[in-house]
Amino acid sequence: MWIAIAAFAGLLGLINLVQVFIGRQLIRPSASRRSPLEIRRQSAAAAVAMLGVSLVGLRVFWGVLFMLFGYVALVIVRKRAPKR
């Protein structure tokens, strides 16, 4: 079960990492109203959080630090994003 959680989190992290590099949303790109810079920032924060989840899934429990780091970064980035 832990390996499945780690693999799923790793896949989500990989999707977020690809979004960081291309600056576009991979899932439902036509519905996105965010700028490429917003997508990159939010995807980078989410990728760090997913790295932490993946590490915790592999029972590397200091991955909790990455989870918290990524979550806090995502909250900060979303607060700074312009309201639409």
N, C-alpha and C. Protein backbone atom coordinates (compact mmCIF):
# COMPACT_ATOMS: atom_id res chain seq x y z
N MET A 1 0.82 -1.19 0.00
CA MET A 1 0.00 0.00 0.00
C MET A 1 0.86 1.26 0.00
N TRP A 2 1.92 1.24 0.81
CA TRP A 2 2.79 2.42 0.87
C TRP A 2 3.49 2.66 -0.46
N ILE A 3 3.85 1.57 -1.14
CA ILE A 3 4.51 1.71 -2.43
C ILE A 3 3.55 2.32 -3.45
N ALA A 4 2.29 1.93 -3.41
CA ALA A 4 1.29 2.49 -4.32
C ALA A 4 1.11 3.99 -4.08
N ILE A 5 1.09 4.39 -2.81
CA ILE A 5 0.98 5.82 -2.48
C ILE A 5 2.20 6.56 -3.00
N ALA A 6 3.38 5.99 -2.80
CA ALA A 6 4.61 6.62 -3.26
C ALA A 6 4.63 6.74 -4.78
N ALA A 7 4.19 5.71 -5.48
CA ALA A 7 4.19 5.74 -6.94
C ALA A 7 3.20 6.77 -7.47
N PHE A 8 2.01 6.84 -6.88
CA PHE A 8 1.01 7.80 -7.30
C PHE A 8 1.49 9.23 -7.04
N ALA A 9 2.07 9.47 -5.87
CA ALA A 9 2.60 10.79 -5.54
C ALA A 9 3.75 11.16 -6.48
N GLY A 10 4.58 10.18 -6.81
CA GLY A 10 5.67 10.42 -7.74
C GLY A 10 5.16 10.80 -9.12
N LEU A 11 4.09 10.15 -9.57
CA LEU A 11 3.48 10.49 -10.86
C LEU A 11 2.91 11.90 -10.85
N LEU A 12 2.21 12.27 -9.79
CA LEU A 12 1.69 13.62 -9.68
C LEU A 12 2.82 14.66 -9.63
N GLY A 13 3.88 14.32 -8.91
CA GLY A 13 5.04 15.21 -8.86
C GLY A 13 5.69 15.38 -10.23
N LEU A 14 5.74 14.29 -10.99
CA LEU A 14 6.31 14.36 -12.33
C LEU A 14 5.46 15.24 -13.25
N ILE A 15 4.15 15.12 -13.15
CA ILE A 15 3.26 15.98 -13.94
C ILE A 15 3.49 17.44 -13.58
N ASN A 16 3.61 17.73 -12.28
CA ASN A 16 3.86 19.11 -11.86
C ASN A 16 5.21 19.60 -12.35
N LEU A 17 6.20 18.74 -12.35
CA LEU A 17 7.53 19.13 -12.83
C LEU A 17 7.51 19.45 -14.32
N VAL A 18 6.78 18.69 -15.10
CA VAL A 18 6.64 18.98 -16.53
C VAL A 18 5.96 20.32 -16.73
N GLN A 19 4.94 20.62 -15.91
CA GLN A 19 4.26 21.90 -16.01
C GLN A 19 5.18 23.06 -15.67
N VAL A 20 6.13 22.84 -14.77
CA VAL A 20 7.10 23.88 -14.43
C VAL A 20 7.93 24.22 -15.66
N PHE A 21 8.37 23.20 -16.39
CA PHE A 21 9.24 23.44 -17.53
C PHE A 21 8.51 24.02 -18.73
N ILE A 22 7.27 23.57 -18.99
CA ILE A 22 6.58 24.05 -20.19
C ILE A 22 5.70 25.26 -19.92
N GLY A 23 5.35 25.53 -18.66
CA GLY A 23 4.54 26.69 -18.34
C GLY A 23 3.10 26.58 -18.78
N ARG A 24 2.63 25.39 -19.05
CA ARG A 24 1.24 25.15 -19.45
C ARG A 24 0.65 24.07 -18.57
N GLN A 25 -0.64 24.13 -18.40
CA GLN A 25 -1.34 23.12 -17.62
C GLN A 25 -1.57 21.90 -18.51
N LEU A 26 -1.20 20.72 -18.04
CA LEU A 26 -1.34 19.51 -18.85
C LEU A 26 -2.76 18.95 -18.84
N ILE A 27 -3.43 19.04 -17.70
CA ILE A 27 -4.79 18.52 -17.58
C ILE A 27 -5.75 19.69 -17.79
N ARG A 28 -6.61 19.58 -18.79
CA ARG A 28 -7.58 20.61 -19.16
C ARG A 28 -6.92 21.97 -19.38
N PRO A 29 -5.99 22.08 -20.32
CA PRO A 29 -5.29 23.35 -20.54
C PRO A 29 -6.20 24.47 -21.03
N SER A 30 -7.28 24.17 -21.73
CA SER A 30 -8.15 25.23 -22.23
C SER A 30 -8.95 25.89 -21.11
N ALA A 31 -9.12 25.20 -19.99
CA ALA A 31 -9.89 25.75 -18.88
C ALA A 31 -9.04 26.63 -17.97
N SER A 32 -7.74 26.65 -18.17
CA SER A 32 -6.84 27.40 -17.29
C SER A 32 -6.85 28.88 -17.65
N ARG A 33 -6.99 29.70 -16.62
CA ARG A 33 -6.92 31.15 -16.81
C ARG A 33 -5.69 31.73 -16.12
N ARG A 34 -4.82 30.84 -15.66
CA ARG A 34 -3.62 31.30 -14.96
C ARG A 34 -2.53 31.61 -15.97
N SER A 35 -1.70 32.56 -15.62
CA SER A 35 -0.57 32.91 -16.48
C SER A 35 0.50 31.82 -16.38
N PRO A 36 1.39 31.74 -17.38
CA PRO A 36 2.46 30.73 -17.30
C PRO A 36 3.32 30.86 -16.04
N LEU A 37 3.54 32.09 -15.59
CA LEU A 37 4.33 32.30 -14.37
C LEU A 37 3.61 31.73 -13.14
N GLU A 38 2.30 31.95 -13.05
CA GLU A 38 1.53 31.38 -11.95
C GLU A 38 1.56 29.86 -11.98
N ILE A 39 1.40 29.30 -13.18
CA ILE A 39 1.42 27.84 -13.31
C ILE A 39 2.76 27.29 -12.88
N ARG A 40 3.84 27.95 -13.29
CA ARG A 40 5.18 27.48 -12.91
C ARG A 40 5.39 27.53 -11.41
N ARG A 41 4.99 28.64 -10.79
CA ARG A 41 5.18 28.77 -9.34
C ARG A 41 4.37 27.74 -8.56
N GLN A 42 3.10 27.61 -8.90
CA GLN A 42 2.25 26.68 -8.18
C GLN A 42 2.65 25.23 -8.44
N SER A 43 3.07 24.93 -9.65
CA SER A 43 3.48 23.56 -9.97
C SER A 43 4.79 23.20 -9.27
N ALA A 44 5.70 24.16 -9.14
CA ALA A 44 6.96 23.90 -8.44
C ALA A 44 6.69 23.60 -6.96
N ALA A 45 5.80 24.38 -6.34
CA ALA A 45 5.47 24.14 -4.94
C ALA A 45 4.78 22.78 -4.78
N ALA A 46 3.88 22.46 -5.69
CA ALA A 46 3.18 21.17 -5.61
C ALA A 46 4.13 20.00 -5.86
N ALA A 47 5.12 20.20 -6.73
CA ALA A 47 6.09 19.13 -6.99
C ALA A 47 6.92 18.83 -5.75
N VAL A 48 7.28 19.86 -5.00
CA VAL A 48 8.03 19.65 -3.75
C VAL A 48 7.16 18.91 -2.74
N ALA A 49 5.89 19.30 -2.65
CA ALA A 49 4.98 18.62 -1.72
C ALA A 49 4.81 17.15 -2.12
N MET A 50 4.67 16.89 -3.40
CA MET A 50 4.50 15.51 -3.86
C MET A 50 5.77 14.69 -3.66
N LEU A 51 6.94 15.33 -3.76
CA LEU A 51 8.19 14.64 -3.45
C LEU A 51 8.16 14.18 -1.99
N GLY A 52 7.69 15.05 -1.11
CA GLY A 52 7.58 14.68 0.30
C GLY A 52 6.62 13.52 0.53
N VAL A 53 5.46 13.55 -0.15
CA VAL A 53 4.50 12.46 -0.01
C VAL A 53 5.11 11.16 -0.52
N SER A 54 5.84 11.25 -1.63
CA SER A 54 6.47 10.06 -2.19
C SER A 54 7.51 9.49 -1.22
N LEU A 55 8.29 10.35 -0.62
CA LEU A 55 9.29 9.88 0.35
C LEU A 55 8.64 9.26 1.58
N VAL A 56 7.56 9.87 2.05
CA VAL A 56 6.85 9.29 3.19
C VAL A 56 6.25 7.94 2.80
N GLY A 57 5.76 7.83 1.57
CA GLY A 57 5.24 6.56 1.09
C GLY A 57 6.30 5.47 1.04
N LEU A 58 7.54 5.88 0.85
CA LEU A 58 8.65 4.93 0.86
C LEU A 58 9.24 4.77 2.27
N ARG A 59 8.53 5.30 3.25
CA ARG A 59 8.89 5.22 4.65
C ARG A 59 10.19 5.95 4.99
N VAL A 60 10.45 7.02 4.26
CA VAL A 60 11.54 7.94 4.59
C VAL A 60 10.84 9.13 5.27
N PHE A 61 10.76 9.08 6.57
CA PHE A 61 9.86 9.97 7.27
C PHE A 61 10.34 11.41 7.36
N TRP A 62 11.58 11.71 6.98
CA TRP A 62 11.95 13.12 6.91
C TRP A 62 11.37 13.75 5.66
N GLY A 63 10.65 12.97 4.85
CA GLY A 63 9.91 13.52 3.72
C GLY A 63 8.79 14.43 4.18
N VAL A 64 8.41 14.32 5.46
CA VAL A 64 7.39 15.21 6.02
C VAL A 64 7.86 16.66 5.90
N LEU A 65 9.16 16.90 6.03
CA LEU A 65 9.68 18.27 5.87
C LEU A 65 9.42 18.80 4.48
N PHE A 66 9.61 17.96 3.45
CA PHE A 66 9.33 18.38 2.08
C PHE A 66 7.84 18.64 1.89
N MET A 67 7.01 17.79 2.50
CA MET A 67 5.56 17.99 2.41
C MET A 67 5.17 19.34 3.00
N LEU A 68 5.66 19.64 4.18
CA LEU A 68 5.33 20.90 4.83
C LEU A 68 5.89 22.09 4.05
N PHE A 69 7.13 21.97 3.60
CA PHE A 69 7.75 23.02 2.79
C PHE A 69 6.93 23.32 1.54
N GLY A 70 6.55 22.27 0.84
CA GLY A 70 5.77 22.44 -0.38
C GLY A 70 4.40 23.01 -0.12
N TYR A 71 3.75 22.56 0.96
CA TYR A 71 2.42 23.06 1.28
C TYR A 71 2.47 24.54 1.64
N VAL A 72 3.42 24.93 2.46
CA VAL A 72 3.55 26.34 2.85
C VAL A 72 3.86 27.19 1.63
N ALA A 73 4.74 26.70 0.76
CA ALA A 73 5.06 27.44 -0.46
C ALA A 73 3.83 27.59 -1.35
N LEU A 74 3.03 26.55 -1.45
CA LEU A 74 1.81 26.61 -2.27
C LEU A 74 0.82 27.61 -1.70
N VAL A 75 0.67 27.65 -0.39
CA VAL A 75 -0.23 28.62 0.23
C VAL A 75 0.24 30.04 -0.04
N ILE A 76 1.54 30.27 0.09
CA ILE A 76 2.09 31.61 -0.14
C ILE A 76 1.91 32.02 -1.61
N VAL A 77 2.20 31.11 -2.53
CA VAL A 77 2.07 31.42 -3.95
C VAL A 77 0.62 31.70 -4.32
N ARG A 78 -0.29 30.93 -3.79
CA ARG A 78 -1.71 31.14 -4.10
C ARG A 78 -2.23 32.44 -3.51
N LYS A 79 -1.71 32.85 -2.36
CA LYS A 79 -2.11 34.13 -1.77
C LYS A 79 -1.67 35.29 -2.65
N ARG A 80 -0.50 35.19 -3.24
CA ARG A 80 0.05 36.26 -4.07
C ARG A 80 -0.59 36.31 -5.46
N ALA A 81 -1.25 35.24 -5.85
CA ALA A 81 -1.85 35.20 -7.19
C ALA A 81 -2.99 36.21 -7.27
N PRO A 82 -3.11 36.88 -8.42
CA PRO A 82 -4.19 37.87 -8.55
C PRO A 82 -5.56 37.18 -8.56
N LYS A 83 -6.53 37.86 -7.96
CA LYS A 83 -7.89 37.32 -7.92
C LYS A 83 -8.56 37.56 -9.27
N ARG A 84 -9.29 36.55 -9.73
CA ARG A 84 -9.98 36.70 -11.01
C ARG A 84 -11.45 36.55 -10.83
